[in-house]
Amino acid sequence: MVTKSNMKGFYKQKKTGISKKKASPSASLGSKVTQSSPLISHAAPDLKDDYDEQEELLRQFDLNTAYGPCLGITRLARWERACRLGMDPPKQVETLLKGGKVRLDSLWDGRI
């Protein structure tokens, strides 16, 4: 059983108004401590992937859950299923997929 004297040791009070010593910066003007180089240099980072506007449209179709799941099914089969179910998928997607110059597998194919 816990007594009153044991409770004070178990639940220690935290005192307010007492601040700990602030850590000084590791490198300041005139110090001999060197700083690590930044992860990105001053040049513009290349954030653009290797895909064009057509693939971007198809990726947006893959990410739109309104047309049902896209795992285990090709983009064209998913488009046709959405059309059969009356979901009105974009006609541009059908045109791209039937043109044959784009990937037929979804964005998630082989990743999950």
N, C-alpha and C. Protein backbone atom coordinates (compact mmCIF):
# COMPACT_ATOMS: atom_id res chain seq x y z
N MET A 1 0.85 -1.18 0.00
CA MET A 1 0.00 0.00 0.00
C MET A 1 0.89 1.24 0.00
N VAL A 2 0.42 2.27 -0.68
CA VAL A 2 1.19 3.50 -0.81
C VAL A 2 0.77 4.46 0.28
N THR A 3 1.77 5.00 0.97
CA THR A 3 1.47 5.98 2.01
C THR A 3 1.70 7.38 1.47
N LYS A 4 1.32 8.37 2.24
CA LYS A 4 1.42 9.77 1.81
C LYS A 4 2.87 10.18 1.59
N SER A 5 3.77 9.69 2.40
CA SER A 5 5.18 10.06 2.26
C SER A 5 5.78 9.44 1.00
N ASN A 6 5.33 8.25 0.61
CA ASN A 6 5.82 7.61 -0.61
C ASN A 6 5.28 8.30 -1.87
N MET A 7 4.10 8.90 -1.77
CA MET A 7 3.48 9.55 -2.92
C MET A 7 4.29 10.75 -3.38
N LYS A 8 4.89 11.49 -2.45
CA LYS A 8 5.66 12.67 -2.83
C LYS A 8 6.89 12.26 -3.64
N GLY A 9 7.48 11.14 -3.32
CA GLY A 9 8.63 10.67 -4.07
C GLY A 9 8.24 10.11 -5.43
N PHE A 10 7.05 9.56 -5.50
CA PHE A 10 6.59 8.95 -6.75
C PHE A 10 6.14 10.00 -7.75
N TYR A 11 5.38 10.97 -7.29
CA TYR A 11 4.90 12.06 -8.14
C TYR A 11 5.68 13.32 -7.81
N LYS A 12 6.80 13.49 -8.43
CA LYS A 12 7.62 14.67 -8.16
C LYS A 12 6.99 15.89 -8.80
N GLN A 13 7.07 17.01 -8.10
CA GLN A 13 6.51 18.24 -8.62
C GLN A 13 7.49 18.88 -9.60
N LYS A 14 6.93 19.51 -10.60
CA LYS A 14 7.74 20.27 -11.53
C LYS A 14 7.59 21.73 -11.18
N LYS A 15 8.69 22.38 -10.95
CA LYS A 15 8.65 23.77 -10.54
C LYS A 15 8.64 24.67 -11.77
N THR A 16 7.77 25.67 -11.72
CA THR A 16 7.68 26.61 -12.83
C THR A 16 8.56 27.81 -12.55
N GLY A 17 8.95 28.49 -13.60
CA GLY A 17 9.75 29.70 -13.43
C GLY A 17 11.24 29.44 -13.42
N ILE A 18 11.65 28.19 -13.38
CA ILE A 18 13.08 27.88 -13.38
C ILE A 18 13.43 27.40 -14.78
N SER A 19 14.32 28.12 -15.41
CA SER A 19 14.71 27.72 -16.76
C SER A 19 16.09 27.09 -16.74
N LYS A 20 16.25 26.16 -17.63
CA LYS A 20 17.56 25.51 -17.75
C LYS A 20 18.46 26.39 -18.60
N LYS A 21 19.71 26.16 -18.51
CA LYS A 21 20.69 26.92 -19.27
C LYS A 21 20.49 26.65 -20.76
N LYS A 22 20.38 27.71 -21.55
CA LYS A 22 20.18 27.55 -22.97
C LYS A 22 21.48 27.12 -23.62
N ALA A 23 21.34 26.20 -24.57
CA ALA A 23 22.51 25.71 -25.29
C ALA A 23 22.99 26.79 -26.24
N SER A 24 24.28 27.00 -26.25
CA SER A 24 24.83 28.00 -27.17
C SER A 24 24.91 27.40 -28.56
N PRO A 25 24.79 28.21 -29.59
CA PRO A 25 24.88 27.67 -30.95
C PRO A 25 26.25 27.07 -31.20
N SER A 26 26.27 26.01 -32.01
CA SER A 26 27.52 25.30 -32.24
C SER A 26 28.51 26.10 -33.05
N ALA A 27 28.02 26.94 -33.92
CA ALA A 27 28.92 27.74 -34.73
C ALA A 27 28.37 29.15 -34.81
N SER A 28 29.18 30.10 -34.51
CA SER A 28 28.76 31.49 -34.60
C SER A 28 29.88 32.27 -35.29
N LEU A 29 29.62 33.52 -35.51
CA LEU A 29 30.59 34.36 -36.19
C LEU A 29 31.90 34.40 -35.41
N GLY A 30 32.96 34.06 -36.06
CA GLY A 30 34.27 34.10 -35.43
C GLY A 30 34.67 32.81 -34.75
N SER A 31 33.81 31.82 -34.67
CA SER A 31 34.20 30.58 -34.02
C SER A 31 34.94 29.69 -35.00
N LYS A 32 35.64 28.71 -34.48
CA LYS A 32 36.41 27.81 -35.31
C LYS A 32 35.66 26.52 -35.62
N VAL A 33 34.40 26.43 -35.18
CA VAL A 33 33.59 25.26 -35.45
C VAL A 33 33.05 25.38 -36.87
N THR A 34 33.18 24.31 -37.64
CA THR A 34 32.70 24.35 -39.02
C THR A 34 31.27 23.83 -39.09
N GLN A 35 30.53 24.36 -40.02
CA GLN A 35 29.17 23.91 -40.23
C GLN A 35 29.15 22.92 -41.38
N SER A 36 28.20 21.99 -41.30
CA SER A 36 28.06 21.03 -42.39
C SER A 36 27.46 21.73 -43.61
N SER A 37 27.73 21.20 -44.77
CA SER A 37 27.21 21.80 -45.99
C SER A 37 25.71 21.56 -46.08
N PRO A 38 24.98 22.45 -46.71
CA PRO A 38 23.54 22.26 -46.83
C PRO A 38 23.21 21.09 -47.75
N LEU A 39 22.02 20.52 -47.55
CA LEU A 39 21.63 19.38 -48.36
C LEU A 39 21.34 19.78 -49.80
N ILE A 40 20.80 20.97 -49.99
CA ILE A 40 20.53 21.46 -51.34
C ILE A 40 21.38 22.69 -51.55
N SER A 41 22.11 22.70 -52.63
CA SER A 41 22.94 23.87 -52.92
C SER A 41 22.06 25.01 -53.40
N HIS A 42 22.66 26.12 -53.74
CA HIS A 42 21.90 27.28 -54.18
C HIS A 42 21.32 27.11 -55.57
N ALA A 43 21.69 26.07 -56.26
CA ALA A 43 21.11 25.80 -57.57
C ALA A 43 19.68 25.28 -57.39
N ALA A 44 18.86 25.47 -58.37
CA ALA A 44 17.46 25.02 -58.28
C ALA A 44 17.41 23.50 -58.32
N PRO A 45 16.72 22.86 -57.36
CA PRO A 45 16.63 21.40 -57.38
C PRO A 45 15.73 20.94 -58.52
N ASP A 46 16.02 19.79 -59.05
CA ASP A 46 15.24 19.24 -60.14
C ASP A 46 14.12 18.39 -59.54
N LEU A 47 12.95 18.98 -59.42
CA LEU A 47 11.83 18.28 -58.80
C LEU A 47 10.91 17.64 -59.82
N LYS A 48 11.13 17.86 -61.08
CA LYS A 48 10.29 17.31 -62.14
C LYS A 48 10.71 15.89 -62.44
N ASP A 49 9.76 14.97 -62.41
CA ASP A 49 10.04 13.58 -62.75
C ASP A 49 10.14 13.43 -64.26
N ASP A 50 10.46 12.24 -64.70
CA ASP A 50 10.63 11.97 -66.12
C ASP A 50 9.32 11.52 -66.76
N TYR A 51 8.28 12.32 -66.66
CA TYR A 51 7.03 12.00 -67.33
C TYR A 51 6.42 13.29 -67.88
N ASP A 52 5.58 13.13 -68.87
CA ASP A 52 5.00 14.27 -69.57
C ASP A 52 3.57 14.54 -69.10
N GLU A 53 2.88 15.44 -69.80
CA GLU A 53 1.53 15.82 -69.41
C GLU A 53 0.54 14.67 -69.58
N GLN A 54 0.78 13.81 -70.55
CA GLN A 54 -0.11 12.66 -70.75
C GLN A 54 -0.05 11.72 -69.56
N GLU A 55 1.17 11.42 -69.11
CA GLU A 55 1.33 10.54 -67.95
C GLU A 55 0.77 11.20 -66.70
N GLU A 56 0.89 12.51 -66.59
CA GLU A 56 0.33 13.23 -65.44
C GLU A 56 -1.19 13.07 -65.41
N LEU A 57 -1.84 13.17 -66.56
CA LEU A 57 -3.29 12.98 -66.63
C LEU A 57 -3.67 11.56 -66.22
N LEU A 58 -2.90 10.58 -66.67
CA LEU A 58 -3.19 9.19 -66.30
C LEU A 58 -2.93 8.94 -64.82
N ARG A 59 -1.93 9.57 -64.26
CA ARG A 59 -1.67 9.43 -62.82
C ARG A 59 -2.80 10.03 -62.00
N GLN A 60 -3.33 11.15 -62.47
CA GLN A 60 -4.47 11.75 -61.77
C GLN A 60 -5.68 10.82 -61.83
N PHE A 61 -5.85 10.13 -62.96
CA PHE A 61 -6.92 9.14 -63.08
C PHE A 61 -6.69 7.99 -62.10
N ASP A 62 -5.43 7.55 -61.97
CA ASP A 62 -5.11 6.47 -61.02
C ASP A 62 -5.41 6.88 -59.58
N LEU A 63 -5.13 8.13 -59.25
CA LEU A 63 -5.29 8.59 -57.87
C LEU A 63 -6.73 8.95 -57.52
N ASN A 64 -7.60 9.08 -58.51
CA ASN A 64 -8.99 9.43 -58.26
C ASN A 64 -9.76 8.17 -57.86
N THR A 65 -10.16 8.11 -56.61
CA THR A 65 -10.84 6.93 -56.09
C THR A 65 -12.30 6.85 -56.50
N ALA A 66 -12.81 7.89 -57.15
CA ALA A 66 -14.21 7.89 -57.59
C ALA A 66 -14.46 6.81 -58.64
N TYR A 67 -13.42 6.39 -59.36
CA TYR A 67 -13.58 5.39 -60.41
C TYR A 67 -13.26 3.98 -59.92
N GLY A 68 -13.17 3.79 -58.64
CA GLY A 68 -12.94 2.47 -58.08
C GLY A 68 -11.46 2.18 -57.89
N PRO A 69 -11.15 1.02 -57.32
CA PRO A 69 -9.75 0.66 -57.06
C PRO A 69 -8.99 0.43 -58.36
N CYS A 70 -7.68 0.67 -58.31
CA CYS A 70 -6.86 0.51 -59.52
C CYS A 70 -5.82 -0.59 -59.37
N LEU A 71 -5.85 -1.33 -58.28
CA LEU A 71 -4.87 -2.41 -58.09
C LEU A 71 -5.35 -3.68 -58.78
N GLY A 72 -4.43 -4.33 -59.48
CA GLY A 72 -4.74 -5.59 -60.13
C GLY A 72 -5.56 -5.45 -61.40
N ILE A 73 -5.61 -4.26 -61.96
CA ILE A 73 -6.40 -4.02 -63.16
C ILE A 73 -5.66 -2.98 -64.00
N THR A 74 -5.73 -3.11 -65.30
CA THR A 74 -5.08 -2.13 -66.17
C THR A 74 -5.88 -0.84 -66.17
N ARG A 75 -5.25 0.21 -66.63
CA ARG A 75 -5.94 1.50 -66.69
C ARG A 75 -7.14 1.44 -67.64
N LEU A 76 -6.97 0.77 -68.76
CA LEU A 76 -8.05 0.70 -69.74
C LEU A 76 -9.22 -0.11 -69.18
N ALA A 77 -8.94 -1.23 -68.52
CA ALA A 77 -10.01 -2.03 -67.92
C ALA A 77 -10.72 -1.24 -66.82
N ARG A 78 -9.99 -0.44 -66.07
CA ARG A 78 -10.59 0.38 -65.03
C ARG A 78 -11.47 1.47 -65.65
N TRP A 79 -10.98 2.06 -66.74
CA TRP A 79 -11.77 3.09 -67.42
C TRP A 79 -13.07 2.48 -67.96
N GLU A 80 -12.97 1.30 -68.58
CA GLU A 80 -14.15 0.64 -69.14
C GLU A 80 -15.14 0.25 -68.05
N ARG A 81 -14.64 -0.23 -66.91
CA ARG A 81 -15.51 -0.58 -65.79
C ARG A 81 -16.24 0.65 -65.27
N ALA A 82 -15.50 1.76 -65.13
CA ALA A 82 -16.12 3.00 -64.65
C ALA A 82 -17.18 3.48 -65.64
N CYS A 83 -16.93 3.32 -66.92
CA CYS A 83 -17.90 3.72 -67.95
C CYS A 83 -19.16 2.84 -67.87
N ARG A 84 -18.98 1.53 -67.71
CA ARG A 84 -20.11 0.60 -67.58
C ARG A 84 -20.97 0.93 -66.37
N LEU A 85 -20.32 1.37 -65.28
CA LEU A 85 -21.04 1.67 -64.04
C LEU A 85 -21.62 3.09 -64.03
N GLY A 86 -21.45 3.83 -65.13
CA GLY A 86 -22.03 5.16 -65.24
C GLY A 86 -21.29 6.24 -64.47
N MET A 87 -20.00 6.06 -64.25
CA MET A 87 -19.22 7.03 -63.47
C MET A 87 -18.66 8.18 -64.32
N ASP A 88 -18.82 8.10 -65.62
CA ASP A 88 -18.39 9.15 -66.55
C ASP A 88 -16.90 9.49 -66.40
N PRO A 89 -16.01 8.53 -66.69
CA PRO A 89 -14.58 8.84 -66.62
C PRO A 89 -14.17 9.75 -67.77
N PRO A 90 -13.04 10.44 -67.65
CA PRO A 90 -12.61 11.38 -68.69
C PRO A 90 -12.35 10.69 -70.02
N LYS A 91 -12.86 11.29 -71.10
CA LYS A 91 -12.66 10.74 -72.45
C LYS A 91 -11.20 10.84 -72.88
N GLN A 92 -10.47 11.83 -72.36
CA GLN A 92 -9.05 11.99 -72.69
C GLN A 92 -8.26 10.76 -72.28
N VAL A 93 -8.62 10.17 -71.15
CA VAL A 93 -7.93 8.97 -70.66
C VAL A 93 -8.13 7.82 -71.64
N GLU A 94 -9.35 7.66 -72.11
CA GLU A 94 -9.63 6.61 -73.08
C GLU A 94 -8.81 6.82 -74.36
N THR A 95 -8.77 8.04 -74.85
CA THR A 95 -8.03 8.36 -76.06
C THR A 95 -6.55 8.03 -75.90
N LEU A 96 -5.98 8.41 -74.76
CA LEU A 96 -4.56 8.12 -74.50
C LEU A 96 -4.29 6.63 -74.42
N LEU A 97 -5.17 5.92 -73.71
CA LEU A 97 -4.95 4.49 -73.50
C LEU A 97 -5.12 3.69 -74.79
N LYS A 98 -6.06 4.07 -75.63
CA LYS A 98 -6.26 3.36 -76.88
C LYS A 98 -5.26 3.77 -77.95
N GLY A 99 -4.57 4.91 -77.72
CA GLY A 99 -3.52 5.34 -78.64
C GLY A 99 -2.29 4.46 -78.55
N GLY A 100 -2.06 3.82 -77.41
CA GLY A 100 -0.99 2.85 -77.25
C GLY A 100 0.39 3.41 -76.97
N LYS A 101 0.51 4.71 -76.75
CA LYS A 101 1.84 5.30 -76.53
C LYS A 101 2.12 5.57 -75.05
N VAL A 102 1.28 5.06 -74.16
CA VAL A 102 1.44 5.27 -72.72
C VAL A 102 1.42 3.93 -72.00
N ARG A 103 1.83 3.96 -70.73
CA ARG A 103 1.79 2.74 -69.90
C ARG A 103 0.36 2.36 -69.61
N LEU A 104 0.03 1.10 -69.78
CA LEU A 104 -1.32 0.64 -69.51
C LEU A 104 -1.51 0.26 -68.05
N ASP A 105 -0.39 -0.02 -67.35
CA ASP A 105 -0.49 -0.36 -65.92
C ASP A 105 -0.66 0.90 -65.09
N SER A 106 -1.33 0.75 -63.96
CA SER A 106 -1.57 1.91 -63.10
C SER A 106 -0.29 2.34 -62.40
N LEU A 107 -0.38 3.49 -61.79
CA LEU A 107 0.74 4.06 -61.05
C LEU A 107 1.23 3.13 -59.95
N TRP A 108 0.31 2.38 -59.33
CA TRP A 108 0.63 1.53 -58.18
C TRP A 108 1.03 0.11 -58.58
N ASP A 109 0.94 -0.23 -59.85
CA ASP A 109 1.25 -1.59 -60.28
C ASP A 109 2.71 -1.94 -59.99
N GLY A 110 2.92 -3.02 -59.24
CA GLY A 110 4.27 -3.46 -58.90
C GLY A 110 4.87 -2.77 -57.69
N ARG A 111 4.19 -1.77 -57.13
CA ARG A 111 4.71 -1.05 -55.96
C ARG A 111 4.07 -1.52 -54.68
N ILE A 112 2.85 -2.00 -54.78
CA ILE A 112 2.14 -2.43 -53.56
C ILE A 112 1.93 -3.91 -53.62
